[in-house]
């Protein structure tokens, strides 16, 4: 009965230790899998969808902001402000026109900044999408030979080819 105690203790420890958790980001398939020892797949580049989304929102909003602010800069230009605003039914004095002009110049600047930011994000996202498509084209181009082996042995030699798809 005493020899059973170490066996039960070993079994208890084995059951208490959780199995290793598969980490998909580690680059190694579970249970050995398809790749050779030490070999890992190339990591896919980012797809750029977030940058495309941000750029697709920022660019038109920036164009709208800069465009409307530019029209208001024209309407509130010093010397012409009161006459132009009166044509729209707005009563404004010289001090109000000066404040509106400064406010609209600031709106043009942040609208222009939004246009530039949106264009940059859109360009980055499209470049990343292009890189991902190129990576997929290189990686998944169908059945292709990946290794040719020549193994001499006592009976002669053998020639082998590894295919991946």
C-alpha atoms as a PDB file:
ATOM      1  CA  UNK A   1       0.000   0.000   0.000  1.00  0.00           C
ATOM      2  CA  UNK A   2       2.872   2.370   0.620  1.00  0.00           C
ATOM      3  CA  UNK A   3       4.121   2.214  -3.031  1.00  0.00           C
ATOM      4  CA  UNK A   4       0.711   3.546  -4.122  1.00  0.00           C
ATOM      5  CA  UNK A   5       1.187   6.849  -2.300  1.00  0.00           C
ATOM      6  CA  UNK A   6       3.863   8.182  -4.709  1.00  0.00           C
ATOM      7  CA  UNK A   7       1.751   7.092  -7.661  1.00  0.00           C
ATOM      8  CA  UNK A   8      -1.300   8.884  -6.309  1.00  0.00           C
ATOM      9  CA  UNK A   9       0.781  11.950  -5.493  1.00  0.00           C
ATOM     10  CA  UNK A  10       2.171  12.001  -9.039  1.00  0.00           C
ATOM     11  CA  UNK A  11      -1.318  11.600 -10.477  1.00  0.00           C
ATOM     12  CA  UNK A  12      -2.649  14.411  -8.269  1.00  0.00           C
ATOM     13  CA  UNK A  13       0.135  16.753  -9.372  1.00  0.00           C
ATOM     14  CA  UNK A  14      -0.404  15.854 -13.038  1.00  0.00           C
ATOM     15  CA  UNK A  15      -4.120  16.561 -12.761  1.00  0.00           C
ATOM     16  CA  UNK A  16      -3.552  19.815 -10.866  1.00  0.00           C
ATOM     17  CA  UNK A  17      -1.226  21.305 -13.505  1.00  0.00           C
ATOM     18  CA  UNK A  18      -3.257  22.863 -16.327  1.00  0.00           C
ATOM     19  CA  UNK A  19      -2.387  21.923 -19.897  1.00  0.00           C
ATOM     20  CA  UNK A  20      -0.453  24.470 -21.916  1.00  0.00           C
ATOM     21  CA  UNK A  21      -2.643  27.100 -23.552  1.00  0.00           C
ATOM     22  CA  UNK A  22      -2.419  27.474 -27.321  1.00  0.00           C
ATOM     23  CA  UNK A  23      -1.267  30.965 -28.276  1.00  0.00           C
ATOM     24  CA  UNK A  24      -2.209  31.776 -31.899  1.00  0.00           C
ATOM     25  CA  UNK A  25       0.174  34.763 -31.896  1.00  0.00           C
ATOM     26  CA  UNK A  26       3.188  32.576 -31.145  1.00  0.00           C
ATOM     27  CA  UNK A  27       3.491  31.538 -34.800  1.00  0.00           C
ATOM     28  CA  UNK A  28       3.593  27.810 -34.056  1.00  0.00           C
ATOM     29  CA  UNK A  29       0.653  25.557 -34.919  1.00  0.00           C
ATOM     30  CA  UNK A  30      -0.867  23.482 -32.105  1.00  0.00           C
ATOM     31  CA  UNK A  31       0.468  19.967 -31.725  1.00  0.00           C
ATOM     32  CA  UNK A  32       3.443  20.399 -34.048  1.00  0.00           C
ATOM     33  CA  UNK A  33       1.317  20.860 -37.125  1.00  0.00           C
ATOM     34  CA  UNK A  34       2.503  21.589 -40.610  1.00  0.00           C
ATOM     35  CA  UNK A  35       5.744  23.488 -40.125  1.00  0.00           C
ATOM     36  CA  UNK A  36       9.152  21.987 -39.530  1.00  0.00           C
ATOM     37  CA  UNK A  37      10.786  22.414 -36.120  1.00  0.00           C
ATOM     38  CA  UNK A  38      12.007  25.976 -35.693  1.00  0.00           C
ATOM     39  CA  UNK A  39      10.115  27.173 -38.741  1.00  0.00           C
ATOM     40  CA  UNK A  40       7.331  29.717 -38.305  1.00  0.00           C
ATOM     41  CA  UNK A  41       5.092  31.394 -40.843  1.00  0.00           C
ATOM     42  CA  UNK A  42       5.695  34.963 -41.832  1.00  0.00           C
ATOM     43  CA  UNK A  43       3.418  37.312 -39.968  1.00  0.00           C
ATOM     44  CA  UNK A  44       0.860  39.093 -42.101  1.00  0.00           C
ATOM     45  CA  UNK A  45       1.286  42.856 -42.303  1.00  0.00           C
ATOM     46  CA  UNK A  46      -1.498  45.012 -40.877  1.00  0.00           C
ATOM     47  CA  UNK A  47      -4.504  45.378 -43.172  1.00  0.00           C
ATOM     48  CA  UNK A  48      -4.878  49.171 -42.812  1.00  0.00           C
ATOM     49  CA  UNK A  49      -8.669  49.077 -42.414  1.00  0.00           C
ATOM     50  CA  UNK A  50      -8.615  51.348 -39.354  1.00  0.00           C
ATOM     51  CA  UNK A  51      -6.522  53.972 -41.137  1.00  0.00           C
ATOM     52  CA  UNK A  52      -8.746  53.821 -44.218  1.00  0.00           C
ATOM     53  CA  UNK A  53     -11.821  54.307 -42.023  1.00  0.00           C
ATOM     54  CA  UNK A  54     -10.294  57.271 -40.181  1.00  0.00           C
ATOM     55  CA  UNK A  55      -9.123  58.837 -43.443  1.00  0.00           C
ATOM     56  CA  UNK A  56     -12.484  58.280 -45.132  1.00  0.00           C
ATOM     57  CA  UNK A  57     -14.189  60.142 -42.286  1.00  0.00           C
ATOM     58  CA  UNK A  58     -11.640  62.926 -41.699  1.00  0.00           C
ATOM     59  CA  UNK A  59     -11.023  63.892 -45.334  1.00  0.00           C
ATOM     60  CA  UNK A  60     -14.607  64.819 -46.328  1.00  0.00           C
ATOM     61  CA  UNK A  61     -15.304  66.433 -42.950  1.00  0.00           C
ATOM     62  CA  UNK A  62     -12.170  68.527 -43.332  1.00  0.00           C
ATOM     63  CA  UNK A  63     -13.181  69.531 -46.868  1.00  0.00           C
ATOM     64  CA  UNK A  64     -16.614  70.585 -45.607  1.00  0.00           C
ATOM     65  CA  UNK A  65     -15.150  72.518 -42.671  1.00  0.00           C
ATOM     66  CA  UNK A  66     -12.487  74.266 -44.741  1.00  0.00           C
ATOM     67  CA  UNK A  67     -14.912  75.028 -47.572  1.00  0.00           C
ATOM     68  CA  UNK A  68     -17.645  76.501 -45.395  1.00  0.00           C
ATOM     69  CA  UNK A  69     -15.102  78.469 -43.364  1.00  0.00           C
ATOM     70  CA  UNK A  70     -13.537  79.823 -46.561  1.00  0.00           C
ATOM     71  CA  UNK A  71     -16.945  81.052 -47.718  1.00  0.00           C
ATOM     72  CA  UNK A  72     -17.458  82.736 -44.358  1.00  0.00           C
ATOM     73  CA  UNK A  73     -13.983  84.322 -44.511  1.00  0.00           C
ATOM     74  CA  UNK A  74     -15.049  85.854 -47.811  1.00  0.00           C
ATOM     75  CA  UNK A  75     -18.356  87.002 -46.279  1.00  0.00           C
ATOM     76  CA  UNK A  76     -16.737  88.519 -43.173  1.00  0.00           C
ATOM     77  CA  UNK A  77     -13.729  90.119 -44.897  1.00  0.00           C
ATOM     78  CA  UNK A  78     -12.935  93.525 -43.383  1.00  0.00           C
ATOM     79  CA  UNK A  79     -14.494  96.365 -45.347  1.00  0.00           C
ATOM     80  CA  UNK A  80     -17.162  94.173 -46.949  1.00  0.00           C
ATOM     81  CA  UNK A  81     -18.572  92.321 -43.934  1.00  0.00           C
ATOM     82  CA  UNK A  82     -21.512  94.535 -43.036  1.00  0.00           C
ATOM     83  CA  UNK A  83     -22.768  94.833 -46.631  1.00  0.00           C
ATOM     84  CA  UNK A  84     -22.450  91.096 -47.346  1.00  0.00           C
ATOM     85  CA  UNK A  85     -24.061  89.995 -44.075  1.00  0.00           C
ATOM     86  CA  UNK A  86     -26.901  92.503 -44.514  1.00  0.00           C
ATOM     87  CA  UNK A  87     -27.647  90.799 -47.844  1.00  0.00           C
ATOM     88  CA  UNK A  88     -28.218  87.592 -45.851  1.00  0.00           C
ATOM     89  CA  UNK A  89     -30.403  89.405 -43.308  1.00  0.00           C
ATOM     90  CA  UNK A  90     -27.752  89.497 -40.563  1.00  0.00           C
ATOM     91  CA  UNK A  91     -27.199  92.742 -38.659  1.00  0.00           C
ATOM     92  CA  UNK A  92     -23.546  93.062 -37.586  1.00  0.00           C
ATOM     93  CA  UNK A  93     -21.337  95.960 -36.523  1.00  0.00           C
ATOM     94  CA  UNK A  94     -17.610  96.383 -37.205  1.00  0.00           C
ATOM     95  CA  UNK A  95     -16.500  94.687 -33.941  1.00  0.00           C
ATOM     96  CA  UNK A  96     -18.699  91.636 -34.579  1.00  0.00           C
ATOM     97  CA  UNK A  97     -17.361  91.400 -38.134  1.00  0.00           C
ATOM     98  CA  UNK A  98     -13.779  91.469 -36.830  1.00  0.00           C
ATOM     99  CA  UNK A  99     -14.538  88.630 -34.373  1.00  0.00           C
ATOM    100  CA  UNK A 100     -16.343  86.589 -37.042  1.00  0.00           C
ATOM    101  CA  UNK A 101     -13.440  87.047 -39.448  1.00  0.00           C
ATOM    102  CA  UNK A 102     -10.901  85.785 -36.874  1.00  0.00           C
ATOM    103  CA  UNK A 103     -13.175  82.879 -35.934  1.00  0.00           C
ATOM    104  CA  UNK A 104     -13.559  81.824 -39.573  1.00  0.00           C
ATOM    105  CA  UNK A 105      -9.816  82.066 -40.260  1.00  0.00           C
ATOM    106  CA  UNK A 106      -9.295  79.669 -37.345  1.00  0.00           C
ATOM    107  CA  UNK A 107     -11.980  77.353 -38.799  1.00  0.00           C
ATOM    108  CA  UNK A 108     -10.144  77.345 -42.145  1.00  0.00           C
ATOM    109  CA  UNK A 109      -6.921  76.324 -40.377  1.00  0.00           C
ATOM    110  CA  UNK A 110      -8.427  73.403 -38.464  1.00  0.00           C
ATOM    111  CA  UNK A 111     -10.443  72.350 -41.526  1.00  0.00           C
ATOM    112  CA  UNK A 112      -7.212  72.302 -43.535  1.00  0.00           C
ATOM    113  CA  UNK A 113      -5.525  70.308 -40.761  1.00  0.00           C
ATOM    114  CA  UNK A 114      -8.382  67.791 -40.914  1.00  0.00           C
ATOM    115  CA  UNK A 115      -7.980  67.505 -44.712  1.00  0.00           C
ATOM    116  CA  UNK A 116      -4.249  66.850 -44.362  1.00  0.00           C
ATOM    117  CA  UNK A 117      -4.765  64.366 -41.513  1.00  0.00           C
ATOM    118  CA  UNK A 118      -7.457  62.506 -43.432  1.00  0.00           C
ATOM    119  CA  UNK A 119      -5.327  62.335 -46.573  1.00  0.00           C
ATOM    120  CA  UNK A 120      -2.331  61.014 -44.623  1.00  0.00           C
ATOM    121  CA  UNK A 121      -4.387  58.357 -42.826  1.00  0.00           C
ATOM    122  CA  UNK A 122      -6.021  57.324 -46.093  1.00  0.00           C
ATOM    123  CA  UNK A 123      -2.636  57.047 -47.819  1.00  0.00           C
ATOM    124  CA  UNK A 124      -1.196  54.964 -44.961  1.00  0.00           C
ATOM    125  CA  UNK A 125      -4.216  52.660 -44.940  1.00  0.00           C
ATOM    126  CA  UNK A 126      -4.165  52.143 -48.703  1.00  0.00           C
ATOM    127  CA  UNK A 127      -0.421  51.445 -48.600  1.00  0.00           C
ATOM    128  CA  UNK A 128      -0.942  48.847 -45.848  1.00  0.00           C
ATOM    129  CA  UNK A 129      -3.792  47.227 -47.805  1.00  0.00           C
ATOM    130  CA  UNK A 130      -1.516  47.009 -50.857  1.00  0.00           C
ATOM    131  CA  UNK A 131       1.252  45.418 -48.759  1.00  0.00           C
ATOM    132  CA  UNK A 132      -1.191  42.842 -47.362  1.00  0.00           C
ATOM    133  CA  UNK A 133      -2.441  41.940 -50.847  1.00  0.00           C
ATOM    134  CA  UNK A 134       1.153  41.519 -52.030  1.00  0.00           C
ATOM    135  CA  UNK A 135       1.937  39.357 -48.984  1.00  0.00           C
ATOM    136  CA  UNK A 136      -1.120  37.172 -49.677  1.00  0.00           C
ATOM    137  CA  UNK A 137      -0.174  36.882 -53.341  1.00  0.00           C
ATOM    138  CA  UNK A 138       3.324  35.707 -52.450  1.00  0.00           C
ATOM    139  CA  UNK A 139       2.163  33.444 -49.633  1.00  0.00           C
ATOM    140  CA  UNK A 140      -0.878  31.782 -51.180  1.00  0.00           C
ATOM    141  CA  UNK A 141       0.043  31.364 -54.802  1.00  0.00           C
ATOM    142  CA  UNK A 142      -1.150  27.767 -54.993  1.00  0.00           C
ATOM    143  CA  UNK A 143       0.746  24.507 -54.979  1.00  0.00           C
ATOM    144  CA  UNK A 144       4.454  25.137 -55.236  1.00  0.00           C
ATOM    145  CA  UNK A 145       7.634  23.213 -54.493  1.00  0.00           C
ATOM    146  CA  UNK A 146       9.374  24.404 -51.351  1.00  0.00           C
ATOM    147  CA  UNK A 147      12.197  21.973 -50.958  1.00  0.00           C
ATOM    148  CA  UNK A 148      14.152  19.503 -53.022  1.00  0.00           C
ATOM    149  CA  UNK A 149      16.174  16.928 -51.137  1.00  0.00           C
ATOM    150  CA  UNK A 150      18.806  14.461 -52.255  1.00  0.00           C
ATOM    151  CA  UNK A 151      19.688  11.778 -49.730  1.00  0.00           C
ATOM    152  CA  UNK A 152      22.462   9.277 -50.439  1.00  0.00           C
ATOM    153  CA  UNK A 153      22.172   5.942 -48.610  1.00  0.00           C
ATOM    154  CA  UNK A 154      23.611   2.393 -48.838  1.00  0.00           C
ATOM    155  CA  UNK A 155      21.284   1.272 -51.592  1.00  0.00           C
ATOM    156  CA  UNK A 156      21.833   4.326 -53.767  1.00  0.00           C
ATOM    157  CA  UNK A 157      20.148   7.649 -53.292  1.00  0.00           C
ATOM    158  CA  UNK A 158      16.692   9.137 -52.986  1.00  0.00           C
ATOM    159  CA  UNK A 159      15.297  12.308 -54.375  1.00  0.00           C
ATOM    160  CA  UNK A 160      12.378  14.054 -52.672  1.00  0.00           C
ATOM    161  CA  UNK A 161      10.312  17.151 -53.152  1.00  0.00           C
ATOM    162  CA  UNK A 162       8.204  18.999 -50.588  1.00  0.00           C
ATOM    163  CA  UNK A 163       5.039  20.719 -51.800  1.00  0.00           C
ATOM    164  CA  UNK A 164       3.028  23.362 -50.008  1.00  0.00           C
ATOM    165  CA  UNK A 165      -0.263  24.905 -50.915  1.00  0.00           C
END
